[in-house]
Amino acid sequence: MHTGVVESMFRPEGNMGDRVCALPLLTIRRDVKKRGTLRLYCIRLSEKLLIVGAGGKKCTTTYEQDPVLLEIVETLKSIDKKLVTLEKSGIDIHSEIYNLTVRIN
């Protein structure tokens, strides 16, 4: 049995190249394609490391159409950009993440 933060469970969100993703949660059937009505937005760093953001009910076609979901995704995108900058400066996020504080403007 495979354990961990399996990539196939997450849907890419945000911009190309960032690690912001959504975990669609099926609570009630929204349409015939069985897309979930809740989204949990995260930053998936690896199969062992997931930064859980926030989420909400998805009533629109895209997260950009909902101000609450848009703010959540934009915040996670900002965090991911800071993490990329830290990684490029030589910080191993996987070992330092537990004591890391990131300031978002």
C-alpha atoms as a PDB file:
ATOM      1  CA  MET A   1       0.000   0.000   0.000  1.00  0.00           C
ATOM      2  CA  HIS A   2       1.336   3.437  -0.959  1.00  0.00           C
ATOM      3  CA  THR A   3       1.269   6.042   1.794  1.00  0.00           C
ATOM      4  CA  GLY A   4       2.108   9.706   1.898  1.00  0.00           C
ATOM      5  CA  VAL A   5       0.989  12.775   0.017  1.00  0.00           C
ATOM      6  CA  VAL A   6       0.236  11.023  -3.280  1.00  0.00           C
ATOM      7  CA  GLU A   7       0.393  13.462  -6.203  1.00  0.00           C
ATOM      8  CA  SER A   8      -2.572  11.923  -8.031  1.00  0.00           C
ATOM      9  CA  MET A   9      -4.913  12.970  -5.200  1.00  0.00           C
ATOM     10  CA  PHE A  10      -4.261  16.677  -5.840  1.00  0.00           C
ATOM     11  CA  ARG A  11      -5.296  19.023  -8.613  1.00  0.00           C
ATOM     12  CA  PRO A  12      -2.789  21.705  -9.684  1.00  0.00           C
ATOM     13  CA  GLU A  13      -3.958  25.264  -8.936  1.00  0.00           C
ATOM     14  CA  GLY A  14      -2.230  28.636  -8.958  1.00  0.00           C
ATOM     15  CA  ASN A  15       0.361  29.266 -11.673  1.00  0.00           C
ATOM     16  CA  MET A  16       2.382  26.877 -13.784  1.00  0.00           C
ATOM     17  CA  GLY A  17       5.505  25.930 -11.880  1.00  0.00           C
ATOM     18  CA  ASP A  18       4.289  26.636  -8.365  1.00  0.00           C
ATOM     19  CA  ARG A  19       3.313  23.882  -5.954  1.00  0.00           C
ATOM     20  CA  VAL A  20      -0.145  25.144  -5.009  1.00  0.00           C
ATOM     21  CA  CYS A  21      -2.729  22.429  -5.378  1.00  0.00           C
ATOM     22  CA  ALA A  22      -6.247  21.557  -4.317  1.00  0.00           C
ATOM     23  CA  LEU A  23      -7.680  18.455  -2.766  1.00  0.00           C
ATOM     24  CA  PRO A  24     -11.240  18.150  -4.110  1.00  0.00           C
ATOM     25  CA  LEU A  25     -13.536  16.733  -1.468  1.00  0.00           C
ATOM     26  CA  LEU A  26     -16.824  15.154  -2.540  1.00  0.00           C
ATOM     27  CA  THR A  27     -19.476  16.067  -0.013  1.00  0.00           C
ATOM     28  CA  ILE A  28     -22.538  16.312  -2.211  1.00  0.00           C
ATOM     29  CA  ARG A  29     -22.851  15.611  -5.891  1.00  0.00           C
ATOM     30  CA  ARG A  30     -22.480  18.883  -7.773  1.00  0.00           C
ATOM     31  CA  ASP A  31     -22.846  17.621 -11.327  1.00  0.00           C
ATOM     32  CA  VAL A  32     -22.704  14.465 -13.422  1.00  0.00           C
ATOM     33  CA  LYS A  33     -18.882  14.546 -13.432  1.00  0.00           C
ATOM     34  CA  LYS A  34     -18.982  14.101  -9.634  1.00  0.00           C
ATOM     35  CA  ARG A  35     -16.747  17.072  -8.922  1.00  0.00           C
ATOM     36  CA  GLY A  36     -16.587  17.817  -5.222  1.00  0.00           C
ATOM     37  CA  THR A  37     -18.139  20.853  -3.648  1.00  0.00           C
ATOM     38  CA  LEU A  38     -15.283  21.536  -1.211  1.00  0.00           C
ATOM     39  CA  ARG A  39     -11.677  22.407  -1.912  1.00  0.00           C
ATOM     40  CA  LEU A  40      -8.733  22.242   0.457  1.00  0.00           C
ATOM     41  CA  TYR A  41      -5.842  24.304  -0.921  1.00  0.00           C
ATOM     42  CA  CYS A  42      -2.283  23.252  -0.077  1.00  0.00           C
ATOM     43  CA  ILE A  43       1.345  23.460  -1.078  1.00  0.00           C
ATOM     44  CA  ARG A  44       2.608  19.975  -1.904  1.00  0.00           C
ATOM     45  CA  LEU A  45       6.366  19.982  -1.420  1.00  0.00           C
ATOM     46  CA  SER A  46       6.841  16.226  -1.705  1.00  0.00           C
ATOM     47  CA  GLU A  47       5.187  12.931  -0.825  1.00  0.00           C
ATOM     48  CA  LYS A  48       6.278  13.537   2.773  1.00  0.00           C
ATOM     49  CA  LEU A  49       5.620  17.241   3.184  1.00  0.00           C
ATOM     50  CA  LEU A  50       2.341  19.090   2.688  1.00  0.00           C
ATOM     51  CA  ILE A  51       1.548  22.619   3.841  1.00  0.00           C
ATOM     52  CA  VAL A  52      -2.182  22.786   4.437  1.00  0.00           C
ATOM     53  CA  GLY A  53      -3.693  26.172   3.725  1.00  0.00           C
ATOM     54  CA  ALA A  54      -7.416  26.635   3.904  1.00  0.00           C
ATOM     55  CA  GLY A  55     -10.422  25.897   1.817  1.00  0.00           C
ATOM     56  CA  GLY A  56     -14.074  26.408   1.288  1.00  0.00           C
ATOM     57  CA  LYS A  57     -17.142  25.542  -0.658  1.00  0.00           C
ATOM     58  CA  LYS A  58     -16.599  25.715  -4.406  1.00  0.00           C
ATOM     59  CA  CYS A  59     -19.677  27.152  -6.084  1.00  0.00           C
ATOM     60  CA  THR A  60     -17.955  28.703  -9.109  1.00  0.00           C
ATOM     61  CA  THR A  61     -16.194  27.250 -12.115  1.00  0.00           C
ATOM     62  CA  THR A  62     -12.792  28.589 -11.049  1.00  0.00           C
ATOM     63  CA  TYR A  63     -11.344  29.715  -7.740  1.00  0.00           C
ATOM     64  CA  GLU A  64     -10.648  33.154  -9.256  1.00  0.00           C
ATOM     65  CA  GLN A  65     -14.392  33.822  -9.406  1.00  0.00           C
ATOM     66  CA  ASP A  66     -14.759  33.436  -5.634  1.00  0.00           C
ATOM     67  CA  PRO A  67     -13.075  36.155  -3.520  1.00  0.00           C
ATOM     68  CA  VAL A  68     -12.555  33.855  -0.522  1.00  0.00           C
ATOM     69  CA  LEU A  69     -10.957  31.038  -2.524  1.00  0.00           C
ATOM     70  CA  LEU A  70      -8.933  33.542  -4.562  1.00  0.00           C
ATOM     71  CA  GLU A  71      -7.433  35.029  -1.384  1.00  0.00           C
ATOM     72  CA  ILE A  72      -6.530  31.567  -0.091  1.00  0.00           C
ATOM     73  CA  VAL A  73      -4.776  30.579  -3.328  1.00  0.00           C
ATOM     74  CA  GLU A  74      -2.997  33.945  -3.655  1.00  0.00           C
ATOM     75  CA  THR A  75      -1.678  33.606  -0.092  1.00  0.00           C
ATOM     76  CA  LEU A  76      -0.390  30.098  -0.795  1.00  0.00           C
ATOM     77  CA  LYS A  77       1.242  31.295  -4.019  1.00  0.00           C
ATOM     78  CA  SER A  78       3.055  33.999  -2.017  1.00  0.00           C
ATOM     79  CA  ILE A  79       4.241  31.439   0.521  1.00  0.00           C
ATOM     80  CA  ASP A  80       5.457  29.132  -2.245  1.00  0.00           C
ATOM     81  CA  LYS A  81       7.422  31.992  -3.862  1.00  0.00           C
ATOM     82  CA  LYS A  82       9.143  32.680  -0.525  1.00  0.00           C
ATOM     83  CA  LEU A  83       9.950  28.984  -0.125  1.00  0.00           C
ATOM     84  CA  VAL A  84      11.448  28.836  -3.622  1.00  0.00           C
ATOM     85  CA  THR A  85      13.628  31.859  -2.795  1.00  0.00           C
ATOM     86  CA  LEU A  86      14.826  30.146   0.384  1.00  0.00           C
ATOM     87  CA  GLU A  87      15.557  26.916  -1.489  1.00  0.00           C
ATOM     88  CA  LYS A  88      17.557  28.814  -4.123  1.00  0.00           C
ATOM     89  CA  SER A  89      19.611  30.394  -1.317  1.00  0.00           C
ATOM     90  CA  GLY A  90      20.615  26.930  -0.109  1.00  0.00           C
ATOM     91  CA  ILE A  91      18.104  26.290   2.689  1.00  0.00           C
ATOM     92  CA  ASP A  92      16.828  22.711   2.814  1.00  0.00           C
ATOM     93  CA  ILE A  93      13.104  23.318   3.304  1.00  0.00           C
ATOM     94  CA  HIS A  94      12.458  19.679   4.233  1.00  0.00           C
ATOM     95  CA  SER A  95      14.698  19.884   7.283  1.00  0.00           C
ATOM     96  CA  GLU A  96      14.029  23.530   8.208  1.00  0.00           C
ATOM     97  CA  ILE A  97      10.270  23.823   7.645  1.00  0.00           C
ATOM     98  CA  TYR A  98       9.361  23.010  11.255  1.00  0.00           C
ATOM     99  CA  ASN A  99      11.075  26.147  12.576  1.00  0.00           C
ATOM    100  CA  LEU A 100      10.503  28.393   9.574  1.00  0.00           C
ATOM    101  CA  THR A 101       8.712  31.729   9.672  1.00  0.00           C
ATOM    102  CA  VAL A 102       7.858  33.327   6.339  1.00  0.00           C
ATOM    103  CA  ARG A 103       6.773  36.966   6.113  1.00  0.00           C
ATOM    104  CA  ILE A 104       4.202  37.695   3.408  1.00  0.00           C
ATOM    105  CA  ASN A 105       3.714  41.243   2.186  1.00  0.00           C
END
